[in-house]
Amino acid sequence: MERSVPIIPPGAFTLRFLYGVAVAFAVFSVYLYFRSTSGLAPDKAHDQLLGMAAMIGVDFLLVGIIVWAVQRRSLVVGSASLTIKSGFYTRTIPLSSLRVSEGVVASLLEQRELGTRWRTNGIRVPGFRAGWFRLAKGEKAFVLLTDPRTVTYLPTRAGFSLLVSTGELLRTLQSSQPPAVD
């Protein structure tokens, strides 16, 4: 039986930032077009117009892909594994490799040693981090961060930790584990 664990959605600022970058680049492209075509023959100006339109199209395509990545996030606890979809990244981890007893729900604003320090293979825009990062305390972590105020830190036996913006993951994992036999 699979159970979906809710993840805190990124704030509205994240998408506004991405759309703002796309619009700023489009405005800058139009500015460059008008600046570079003054005094050119109409056929040459038309060639540059097509180039500018192509640049703006590529700009909106790339921002659209990043917006898709920001909205692609899920956390599913199955009978034998935990699957995290985070931006362009997906990771399936056997439940047996999770060290649930060492997991912590914390705020990165208070426990800064759990915060991300270096991005090794991931995406980072304001309000969203996904992929592989090094934490402030030096360990490798697979990250899905949308809100630093409620974060689950969960070490694994596979040589990395998980850092996910949810307060429900540990409760879900603890309720899905069989009771310990003495």
Protein backbone atom coordinates (compact mmCIF):
# COMPACT_ATOMS: atom_id res chain seq x y z
CA MET A 1 0.00 0.00 0.00
CA GLU A 2 1.41 3.37 -1.01
CA ARG A 3 0.87 6.53 1.00
CA SER A 4 1.54 10.01 -0.30
CA VAL A 5 3.16 12.39 2.20
CA PRO A 6 2.26 16.07 1.77
CA ILE A 7 5.11 18.44 0.94
CA ILE A 8 4.92 22.13 1.75
CA PRO A 9 4.44 23.98 -1.58
CA PRO A 10 6.92 26.71 -2.50
CA GLY A 11 5.88 30.26 -1.76
CA ALA A 12 4.32 32.50 -4.40
CA PHE A 13 7.59 34.44 -4.61
CA THR A 14 9.32 31.49 -6.28
CA LEU A 15 7.08 31.53 -9.36
CA ARG A 16 6.97 35.34 -9.43
CA PHE A 17 10.77 35.36 -9.45
CA LEU A 18 10.95 32.91 -12.37
CA TYR A 19 8.35 34.81 -14.40
CA GLY A 20 10.11 38.07 -13.57
CA VAL A 21 13.42 36.70 -14.91
CA ALA A 22 11.70 35.65 -18.15
CA VAL A 23 10.03 39.03 -18.63
CA ALA A 24 13.23 40.95 -17.78
CA PHE A 25 15.17 38.92 -20.36
CA ALA A 26 12.47 39.53 -22.99
CA VAL A 27 12.50 43.29 -22.29
CA PHE A 28 16.30 43.33 -22.48
CA SER A 29 16.16 41.45 -25.82
CA VAL A 30 13.70 44.01 -27.25
CA TYR A 31 15.94 46.84 -26.01
CA LEU A 32 18.96 45.27 -27.71
CA TYR A 33 16.98 44.80 -30.92
CA PHE A 34 15.95 48.45 -31.14
CA ARG A 35 19.41 49.62 -30.16
CA SER A 36 21.13 47.45 -32.77
CA THR A 37 18.75 48.10 -35.69
CA SER A 38 18.84 51.88 -35.75
CA GLY A 39 20.26 52.87 -39.14
CA LEU A 40 20.03 49.35 -40.65
CA ALA A 41 18.26 48.51 -43.89
CA PRO A 42 14.77 47.03 -43.32
CA ASP A 43 15.76 43.55 -44.54
CA LYS A 44 18.69 43.40 -42.09
CA ALA A 45 16.46 44.66 -39.27
CA HIS A 46 13.94 41.93 -40.14
CA ASP A 47 16.65 39.25 -39.84
CA GLN A 48 17.51 40.53 -36.37
CA LEU A 49 13.81 40.59 -35.46
CA LEU A 50 13.58 36.84 -36.14
CA GLY A 51 16.67 36.25 -34.00
CA MET A 52 15.22 38.29 -31.15
CA ALA A 53 11.91 36.40 -31.35
CA ALA A 54 13.79 33.08 -31.26
CA MET A 55 15.78 34.20 -28.19
CA ILE A 56 12.59 35.22 -26.38
CA GLY A 57 10.98 31.89 -27.32
CA VAL A 58 13.94 29.95 -25.93
CA ASP A 59 13.85 32.12 -22.80
CA PHE A 60 10.20 31.31 -22.11
CA LEU A 61 10.76 27.63 -22.92
CA LEU A 62 13.61 27.37 -20.39
CA VAL A 63 11.66 29.21 -17.70
CA GLY A 64 8.67 26.96 -18.43
CA ILE A 65 10.83 23.88 -17.89
CA ILE A 66 12.09 25.26 -14.57
CA VAL A 67 8.51 26.12 -13.48
CA TRP A 68 7.53 22.52 -14.32
CA ALA A 69 10.45 21.27 -12.21
CA VAL A 70 9.43 23.44 -9.26
CA GLN A 71 5.89 22.07 -9.41
CA ARG A 72 7.04 18.42 -9.75
CA ARG A 73 7.42 17.21 -6.22
CA SER A 74 6.10 14.16 -4.44
CA LEU A 75 6.93 11.88 -1.57
CA VAL A 76 5.45 8.35 -1.60
CA VAL A 77 5.97 5.72 1.08
CA GLY A 78 5.42 2.24 -0.31
CA SER A 79 5.54 -1.13 1.41
CA ALA A 80 9.29 -1.49 0.85
CA SER A 81 10.57 1.87 -0.40
CA LEU A 82 10.36 5.64 -0.22
CA THR A 83 10.19 7.49 -3.55
CA ILE A 84 11.01 11.19 -3.78
CA LYS A 85 10.36 13.19 -6.94
CA SER A 86 12.06 16.53 -6.70
CA GLY A 87 12.39 18.78 -9.73
CA PHE A 88 14.37 16.89 -12.36
CA TYR A 89 15.41 14.24 -9.83
CA THR A 90 13.81 11.02 -8.60
CA ARG A 91 15.23 8.81 -5.89
CA THR A 92 13.85 5.51 -4.58
CA ILE A 93 15.26 4.39 -1.25
CA PRO A 94 14.56 1.05 0.44
CA LEU A 95 12.82 1.56 3.79
CA SER A 96 15.41 -0.74 5.36
CA SER A 97 18.16 1.79 4.62
CA LEU A 98 16.38 4.67 6.42
CA ARG A 99 17.53 5.44 9.95
CA VAL A 100 14.13 6.61 11.17
CA SER A 101 15.17 6.71 14.84
CA GLU A 102 17.78 9.38 14.00
CA GLY A 103 15.37 11.51 11.96
CA VAL A 104 14.52 15.02 13.11
CA VAL A 105 11.83 17.54 12.23
CA ALA A 106 13.39 20.97 12.60
CA SER A 107 13.60 24.50 11.32
CA LEU A 108 16.66 25.36 9.24
CA LEU A 109 16.41 28.86 10.68
CA GLU A 110 17.23 27.41 14.11
CA GLN A 111 19.41 24.40 13.23
CA ARG A 112 21.71 25.87 10.62
CA GLU A 113 24.02 22.82 10.58
CA LEU A 114 21.24 20.98 8.70
CA GLY A 115 21.04 23.68 6.02
CA THR A 116 22.43 23.31 2.52
CA ARG A 117 25.86 24.73 1.86
CA TRP A 118 27.00 23.56 -1.61
CA ARG A 119 24.94 22.44 -4.58
CA THR A 120 26.67 19.45 -6.18
CA ASN A 121 23.97 18.41 -8.68
CA GLY A 122 20.73 20.24 -8.21
CA ILE A 123 18.63 23.30 -8.92
CA ARG A 124 18.31 26.29 -6.68
CA VAL A 125 16.02 29.24 -7.16
CA PRO A 126 14.65 31.46 -4.39
CA GLY A 127 12.24 29.34 -2.35
CA PHE A 128 13.11 26.00 -3.98
CA ARG A 129 16.07 23.62 -3.81
CA ALA A 130 16.09 20.14 -5.30
CA GLY A 131 18.73 17.52 -6.01
CA TRP A 132 22.08 16.75 -4.43
CA PHE A 133 23.67 19.18 -1.97
CA ARG A 134 26.30 19.23 0.76
CA LEU A 135 24.95 20.25 4.13
CA ALA A 136 26.64 22.80 6.39
CA LYS A 137 27.96 19.94 8.53
CA GLY A 138 29.60 18.42 5.43
CA GLU A 139 27.42 15.42 4.67
CA LYS A 140 25.84 14.60 1.31
CA ALA A 141 22.05 15.02 1.09
CA PHE A 142 19.22 14.52 -1.37
CA VAL A 143 17.12 17.65 -0.94
CA LEU A 144 13.58 18.83 -1.64
CA LEU A 145 13.27 22.18 0.13
CA THR A 146 10.39 24.57 -0.35
CA ASP A 147 10.09 26.00 3.17
CA PRO A 148 12.99 26.19 5.65
CA ARG A 149 10.69 26.46 8.69
CA THR A 150 9.50 22.82 8.69
CA VAL A 151 12.05 20.31 7.43
CA THR A 152 12.53 16.59 7.99
CA TYR A 153 16.17 15.49 8.22
CA LEU A 154 16.50 11.73 7.75
CA PRO A 155 19.86 9.92 7.58
CA THR A 156 20.21 6.73 5.54
CA ARG A 157 22.55 3.76 5.58
CA ALA A 158 23.39 4.50 1.93
CA GLY A 159 25.88 7.28 2.75
CA PHE A 160 23.59 10.30 2.39
CA SER A 161 20.72 12.01 4.18
CA LEU A 162 17.33 13.28 3.08
CA LEU A 163 16.20 16.84 3.68
CA VAL A 164 12.55 17.38 2.79
CA SER A 165 10.10 20.22 3.53
CA THR A 166 7.47 18.25 5.41
CA GLY A 167 6.66 17.51 9.01
CA GLU A 168 4.73 14.32 8.21
CA LEU A 169 7.43 12.00 6.87
CA LEU A 170 8.74 10.67 10.19
CA ARG A 171 5.21 10.05 11.53
CA THR A 172 4.29 8.18 8.35
CA LEU A 173 7.47 6.08 8.42
CA GLN A 174 7.08 5.28 12.13
CA SER A 175 3.47 4.18 11.64
CA SER A 176 4.41 1.97 8.66
CA GLN A 177 7.18 0.09 10.48
CA PRO A 178 6.37 -3.12 12.32
CA PRO A 179 6.83 -2.93 16.10
CA ALA A 180 10.25 -3.95 17.39
CA VAL A 181 10.50 -7.49 18.78
CA ASP A 182 12.45 -7.87 22.03
